[in-house]
N, C-alpha and C. Protein backbone atom coordinates (compact mmCIF):
# COMPACT_ATOMS: atom_id res chain seq x y z
N VAL A 1 124.13 97.57 98.50
CA VAL A 1 123.63 97.20 99.80
C VAL A 1 124.54 96.08 100.36
N ASN A 2 124.89 96.24 101.62
CA ASN A 2 125.56 95.21 102.35
C ASN A 2 124.63 94.52 103.31
N ASN A 3 124.23 93.26 103.03
CA ASN A 3 123.32 92.56 103.92
C ASN A 3 124.08 91.46 104.69
N ASN A 4 125.38 91.52 104.64
CA ASN A 4 126.21 90.52 105.41
C ASN A 4 125.76 89.04 105.18
N ASN A 5 125.26 88.80 104.01
CA ASN A 5 124.77 87.44 103.73
C ASN A 5 124.84 87.23 102.18
N ASN A 6 125.56 86.21 101.81
CA ASN A 6 125.76 85.98 100.39
C ASN A 6 124.69 85.08 99.78
N ASN A 7 123.66 84.78 100.56
CA ASN A 7 122.56 83.93 100.03
C ASN A 7 121.70 84.71 99.14
N ASN A 8 121.07 84.06 98.12
CA ASN A 8 120.06 84.70 97.31
C ASN A 8 118.71 84.21 97.89
N TYR A 9 117.93 85.17 98.36
CA TYR A 9 116.62 84.89 98.97
C TYR A 9 115.72 85.98 98.80
N LEU A 10 114.45 85.78 99.03
CA LEU A 10 113.40 86.79 98.85
C LEU A 10 113.15 87.43 100.25
N LEU A 11 112.92 88.73 100.20
CA LEU A 11 112.57 89.45 101.43
C LEU A 11 111.12 89.99 101.32
N GLU A 12 110.51 90.21 102.46
CA GLU A 12 109.15 90.79 102.52
C GLU A 12 109.15 92.23 101.97
N VAL A 13 108.06 92.62 101.37
CA VAL A 13 107.89 94.03 100.85
C VAL A 13 108.19 94.97 101.99
N GLY A 14 109.01 95.96 101.70
CA GLY A 14 109.29 97.04 102.67
C GLY A 14 110.23 96.64 103.85
N SER A 15 110.75 95.43 103.80
CA SER A 15 111.63 95.07 104.93
C SER A 15 113.06 95.52 104.70
N LYS A 16 113.93 95.38 105.68
CA LYS A 16 115.31 95.75 105.62
C LYS A 16 116.07 94.84 104.64
N ALA A 17 116.68 95.46 103.60
CA ALA A 17 117.49 94.70 102.67
C ALA A 17 118.94 94.69 103.16
N GLY A 18 119.32 95.62 103.92
CA GLY A 18 120.67 95.81 104.41
C GLY A 18 121.04 97.21 104.73
N ILE A 19 122.34 97.53 104.71
CA ILE A 19 122.80 98.89 105.00
C ILE A 19 123.62 99.35 103.79
N LEU A 20 123.89 100.64 103.70
CA LEU A 20 124.64 101.18 102.66
C LEU A 20 126.11 100.65 102.64
N LEU A 21 126.57 100.35 101.47
CA LEU A 21 128.02 100.01 101.38
C LEU A 21 128.79 101.22 101.78
N PRO A 22 129.98 101.05 102.41
CA PRO A 22 130.77 102.24 102.82
C PRO A 22 131.12 103.14 101.63
N SER A 23 131.42 102.61 100.48
CA SER A 23 131.76 103.48 99.35
C SER A 23 130.56 104.35 98.86
N ILE A 24 129.38 103.80 98.96
CA ILE A 24 128.20 104.53 98.59
C ILE A 24 127.83 105.54 99.59
N ALA A 25 127.94 105.19 100.86
CA ALA A 25 127.69 106.14 102.02
C ALA A 25 128.63 107.31 101.87
N GLN A 26 129.87 107.08 101.56
CA GLN A 26 130.84 108.18 101.42
C GLN A 26 130.50 109.06 100.27
N LYS A 27 130.13 108.53 99.06
CA LYS A 27 129.81 109.31 97.90
C LYS A 27 128.58 110.18 98.15
N LEU A 28 127.61 109.63 98.96
CA LEU A 28 126.35 110.37 99.26
C LEU A 28 126.42 111.23 100.49
N ASP A 29 127.56 111.14 101.17
CA ASP A 29 127.79 111.86 102.43
C ASP A 29 126.70 111.45 103.50
N LEU A 30 126.50 110.13 103.56
CA LEU A 30 125.54 109.57 104.54
C LEU A 30 126.30 108.63 105.43
N ASN A 31 125.63 108.37 106.63
CA ASN A 31 126.20 107.45 107.61
C ASN A 31 126.09 106.04 107.04
N GLU A 32 127.05 105.24 107.31
CA GLU A 32 127.09 103.81 106.81
C GLU A 32 125.96 102.95 107.45
N SER A 33 125.32 103.44 108.51
CA SER A 33 124.29 102.64 109.14
C SER A 33 122.93 102.91 108.61
N VAL A 34 122.84 103.66 107.49
CA VAL A 34 121.52 104.00 106.86
C VAL A 34 120.95 102.66 106.33
N ILE A 35 119.68 102.40 106.68
CA ILE A 35 118.99 101.13 106.32
C ILE A 35 118.43 101.32 104.88
N VAL A 36 118.68 100.33 104.05
CA VAL A 36 118.11 100.27 102.70
C VAL A 36 116.98 99.24 102.72
N ALA A 37 115.79 99.70 102.30
CA ALA A 37 114.61 98.82 102.26
C ALA A 37 114.47 98.09 100.94
N THR A 38 113.71 97.04 100.91
CA THR A 38 113.39 96.37 99.67
C THR A 38 112.50 97.28 98.86
N ALA A 39 112.41 97.02 97.54
CA ALA A 39 111.56 97.81 96.69
C ALA A 39 110.09 97.49 96.92
N VAL A 40 109.27 98.50 96.56
CA VAL A 40 107.80 98.28 96.61
C VAL A 40 107.16 99.10 95.43
N ILE A 41 106.16 98.55 94.89
CA ILE A 41 105.46 99.21 93.77
C ILE A 41 104.73 100.39 94.32
N ASP A 42 104.69 101.51 93.58
CA ASP A 42 104.11 102.76 94.12
C ASP A 42 102.68 102.62 94.54
N ALA A 43 101.84 101.97 93.69
CA ALA A 43 100.39 101.79 94.03
C ALA A 43 100.23 100.88 95.26
N HIS A 44 101.12 99.91 95.41
CA HIS A 44 101.09 99.06 96.58
C HIS A 44 101.45 99.86 97.87
N ALA A 45 102.37 100.78 97.71
CA ALA A 45 102.80 101.65 98.82
C ALA A 45 101.64 102.54 99.28
N ALA A 46 100.81 102.91 98.31
CA ALA A 46 99.67 103.78 98.53
C ALA A 46 98.63 103.08 99.44
N VAL A 47 98.56 101.78 99.30
CA VAL A 47 97.61 101.02 100.18
C VAL A 47 98.06 101.14 101.63
N VAL A 48 99.33 101.00 101.88
CA VAL A 48 99.90 101.06 103.20
C VAL A 48 99.73 102.53 103.77
N ALA A 49 100.01 103.45 102.85
CA ALA A 49 99.96 104.88 103.23
C ALA A 49 98.52 105.34 103.60
N ALA A 50 97.54 104.65 102.96
CA ALA A 50 96.11 104.95 103.19
C ALA A 50 95.66 104.30 104.53
N GLY A 51 96.54 103.56 105.15
CA GLY A 51 96.17 102.85 106.42
C GLY A 51 95.34 101.59 106.22
N VAL A 52 95.33 101.06 105.07
CA VAL A 52 94.49 99.88 104.78
C VAL A 52 95.29 98.66 105.10
N ALA A 53 94.76 97.78 105.96
CA ALA A 53 95.52 96.61 106.42
C ALA A 53 94.64 95.42 106.68
N GLN A 54 93.40 95.44 106.27
CA GLN A 54 92.44 94.37 106.57
C GLN A 54 91.82 93.82 105.28
N SER A 55 91.43 92.52 105.33
CA SER A 55 90.77 91.91 104.23
C SER A 55 89.46 92.64 103.93
N GLY A 56 89.19 92.80 102.64
CA GLY A 56 87.93 93.41 102.21
C GLY A 56 88.04 94.94 101.95
N GLN A 57 89.22 95.49 102.30
CA GLN A 57 89.39 96.95 102.02
C GLN A 57 90.05 97.24 100.72
N LEU A 58 89.53 98.25 100.04
CA LEU A 58 89.98 98.58 98.68
C LEU A 58 90.53 100.03 98.65
N VAL A 59 91.54 100.28 97.90
CA VAL A 59 92.12 101.57 97.69
C VAL A 59 92.19 101.86 96.19
N ALA A 60 91.68 103.00 95.79
CA ALA A 60 91.83 103.45 94.34
C ALA A 60 92.96 104.43 94.33
N VAL A 61 93.94 104.23 93.50
CA VAL A 61 95.06 105.03 93.32
C VAL A 61 95.10 105.68 91.95
N LEU A 62 95.22 106.97 91.91
CA LEU A 62 95.25 107.67 90.60
C LEU A 62 96.59 108.29 90.40
N GLY A 63 97.22 108.00 89.29
CA GLY A 63 98.50 108.62 88.85
C GLY A 63 98.65 108.43 87.36
N THR A 64 99.76 107.94 86.93
CA THR A 64 99.87 107.69 85.45
C THR A 64 99.05 106.53 85.05
N SER A 65 98.55 105.78 86.03
CA SER A 65 97.57 104.73 85.80
C SER A 65 96.58 104.77 86.98
N THR A 66 95.44 104.17 86.83
CA THR A 66 94.52 104.03 87.90
C THR A 66 94.46 102.58 88.37
N CYS A 67 94.77 102.38 89.66
CA CYS A 67 94.86 101.04 90.19
C CYS A 67 93.84 100.87 91.27
N HIS A 68 93.13 99.77 91.28
CA HIS A 68 92.22 99.41 92.38
C HIS A 68 92.93 98.21 93.08
N MET A 69 93.30 98.47 94.29
CA MET A 69 94.08 97.56 95.10
C MET A 69 93.16 97.01 96.24
N LEU A 70 93.02 95.72 96.32
CA LEU A 70 92.14 95.03 97.27
C LEU A 70 92.92 93.99 98.12
N LEU A 71 92.73 94.03 99.40
CA LEU A 71 93.29 92.97 100.24
C LEU A 71 92.21 91.91 100.55
N SER A 72 92.61 90.64 100.58
CA SER A 72 91.65 89.54 100.75
C SER A 72 92.36 88.44 101.59
N ASP A 73 91.58 87.82 102.40
CA ASP A 73 92.02 86.55 103.17
C ASP A 73 92.13 85.40 102.26
N ASN A 74 91.38 85.43 101.17
CA ASN A 74 91.20 84.26 100.34
C ASN A 74 91.92 84.35 99.01
N ALA A 75 92.47 83.29 98.50
CA ALA A 75 93.03 83.23 97.18
C ALA A 75 91.94 83.48 96.19
N PRO A 76 92.16 84.42 95.19
CA PRO A 76 91.05 84.70 94.23
C PRO A 76 90.90 83.58 93.15
N THR A 77 89.66 83.43 92.75
CA THR A 77 89.41 82.63 91.60
C THR A 77 89.61 83.48 90.36
N PRO A 78 89.84 82.96 89.19
CA PRO A 78 90.05 83.80 88.03
C PRO A 78 88.90 84.81 87.84
N ILE A 79 89.24 86.07 87.72
CA ILE A 79 88.24 87.09 87.54
C ILE A 79 88.59 87.93 86.25
N PRO A 80 87.70 88.01 85.25
CA PRO A 80 87.95 88.85 84.10
C PRO A 80 88.29 90.26 84.50
N GLY A 81 89.42 90.78 83.97
CA GLY A 81 89.79 92.15 84.31
C GLY A 81 90.73 92.33 85.40
N LEU A 82 90.95 91.23 86.17
CA LEU A 82 91.90 91.35 87.29
C LEU A 82 93.30 91.23 86.69
N CYS A 83 94.09 92.23 87.02
CA CYS A 83 95.48 92.31 86.46
C CYS A 83 96.47 91.32 87.11
N GLY A 84 96.26 91.13 88.46
CA GLY A 84 97.13 90.22 89.15
C GLY A 84 96.75 90.05 90.54
N SER A 85 97.31 88.98 91.10
CA SER A 85 97.14 88.76 92.54
C SER A 85 98.30 87.97 93.10
N ILE A 86 98.70 88.27 94.30
CA ILE A 86 99.81 87.58 94.95
C ILE A 86 99.68 87.68 96.44
N ILE A 87 99.99 86.58 97.03
CA ILE A 87 99.96 86.49 98.53
C ILE A 87 101.10 87.42 99.06
N GLU A 88 100.75 88.27 100.01
CA GLU A 88 101.66 89.13 100.73
C GLU A 88 102.45 90.10 99.71
N GLY A 89 101.84 90.31 98.57
CA GLY A 89 102.49 91.18 97.56
C GLY A 89 102.35 92.65 97.90
N ILE A 90 101.35 92.98 98.62
CA ILE A 90 101.08 94.38 99.06
C ILE A 90 101.52 94.61 100.45
N LEU A 91 101.13 93.64 101.29
CA LEU A 91 101.30 93.81 102.75
C LEU A 91 101.64 92.42 103.37
N PRO A 92 102.68 92.32 104.13
CA PRO A 92 102.99 91.08 104.78
C PRO A 92 101.86 90.69 105.72
N GLY A 93 101.60 89.41 105.96
CA GLY A 93 100.63 89.06 106.92
C GLY A 93 99.53 88.08 106.41
N LYS A 94 99.94 87.31 105.38
CA LYS A 94 99.02 86.29 104.83
C LYS A 94 97.81 86.84 104.08
N LEU A 95 97.79 88.08 103.69
CA LEU A 95 96.72 88.71 102.91
C LEU A 95 97.07 88.57 101.38
N TRP A 96 96.06 88.31 100.64
CA TRP A 96 96.16 88.40 99.17
C TRP A 96 96.06 89.78 98.72
N GLY A 97 96.93 90.21 97.77
CA GLY A 97 96.73 91.53 97.10
C GLY A 97 96.19 91.31 95.72
N LEU A 98 95.07 91.98 95.41
CA LEU A 98 94.47 91.87 94.16
C LEU A 98 94.53 93.26 93.48
N GLU A 99 94.78 93.27 92.17
CA GLU A 99 94.95 94.59 91.48
C GLU A 99 94.26 94.53 90.14
N ALA A 100 93.60 95.65 89.85
CA ALA A 100 92.99 95.88 88.57
C ALA A 100 93.14 97.38 88.28
N GLY A 101 92.98 97.77 87.03
CA GLY A 101 93.09 99.22 86.71
C GLY A 101 93.19 99.53 85.30
N GLN A 102 93.39 100.78 84.99
CA GLN A 102 93.53 101.31 83.64
C GLN A 102 94.87 101.92 83.45
N SER A 103 95.69 101.44 82.55
CA SER A 103 97.05 101.93 82.43
C SER A 103 97.11 103.28 81.76
N GLY A 104 96.18 103.70 81.06
CA GLY A 104 96.22 104.98 80.33
C GLY A 104 95.46 106.17 80.94
N SER A 105 95.16 106.07 82.26
CA SER A 105 94.30 107.13 82.88
C SER A 105 95.08 108.43 82.98
N GLY A 106 96.35 108.41 83.19
CA GLY A 106 97.13 109.66 83.25
C GLY A 106 97.04 110.41 81.95
N ASP A 107 97.18 109.74 80.81
CA ASP A 107 96.99 110.33 79.51
C ASP A 107 95.56 110.88 79.33
N MET A 108 94.58 110.14 79.83
CA MET A 108 93.18 110.63 79.71
C MET A 108 92.96 111.90 80.54
N LEU A 109 93.57 111.94 81.71
CA LEU A 109 93.44 113.16 82.54
C LEU A 109 94.15 114.35 81.86
N ALA A 110 95.31 114.12 81.27
CA ALA A 110 96.03 115.21 80.55
C ALA A 110 95.17 115.70 79.37
N TRP A 111 94.55 114.78 78.59
CA TRP A 111 93.67 115.22 77.52
C TRP A 111 92.51 116.07 78.07
N TYR A 112 91.86 115.60 79.17
CA TYR A 112 90.75 116.33 79.69
C TYR A 112 91.17 117.70 80.09
N VAL A 113 92.31 117.90 80.78
CA VAL A 113 92.80 119.16 81.17
C VAL A 113 93.04 120.05 80.00
N LYS A 114 93.69 119.52 79.04
CA LYS A 114 94.12 120.31 77.78
C LYS A 114 92.82 120.69 77.00
N ASN A 115 91.92 119.73 76.83
CA ASN A 115 90.83 120.04 75.88
C ASN A 115 89.49 120.48 76.49
N LEU A 116 89.22 120.19 77.74
CA LEU A 116 87.95 120.52 78.33
C LEU A 116 88.01 121.63 79.36
N LEU A 117 89.01 121.67 80.13
CA LEU A 117 89.12 122.67 81.21
C LEU A 117 89.40 124.08 80.63
N SER A 118 89.89 124.19 79.36
CA SER A 118 90.16 125.44 78.82
C SER A 118 88.95 126.11 78.21
N LEU A 119 87.80 125.41 78.22
CA LEU A 119 86.53 125.91 77.56
C LEU A 119 85.91 126.97 78.38
């Protein structure tokens, strides 16, 4: 990525990180003006894709894990079972992102399909 800036700094989730380097654009047969975005966690992207953008809204995401993603105006107090929280970690705009879930749910679903759906 060429961001025309040699500073080390943090960018907002989903914002423009820069454009493709000419050598990469040529290898991929793409225009050099293609914008490269900052990285985002898949479950966090699902919150945005679901159209959730207000405090108090929750999205449950099912994949290789199950994540419950909640937006809040307020910094959370310690909550047992809460995996993490970060301001503007899911969506820019001064909202806290809170996350909890089960990391093995994809394996549980595979077991269910293999062992119970075949009955």
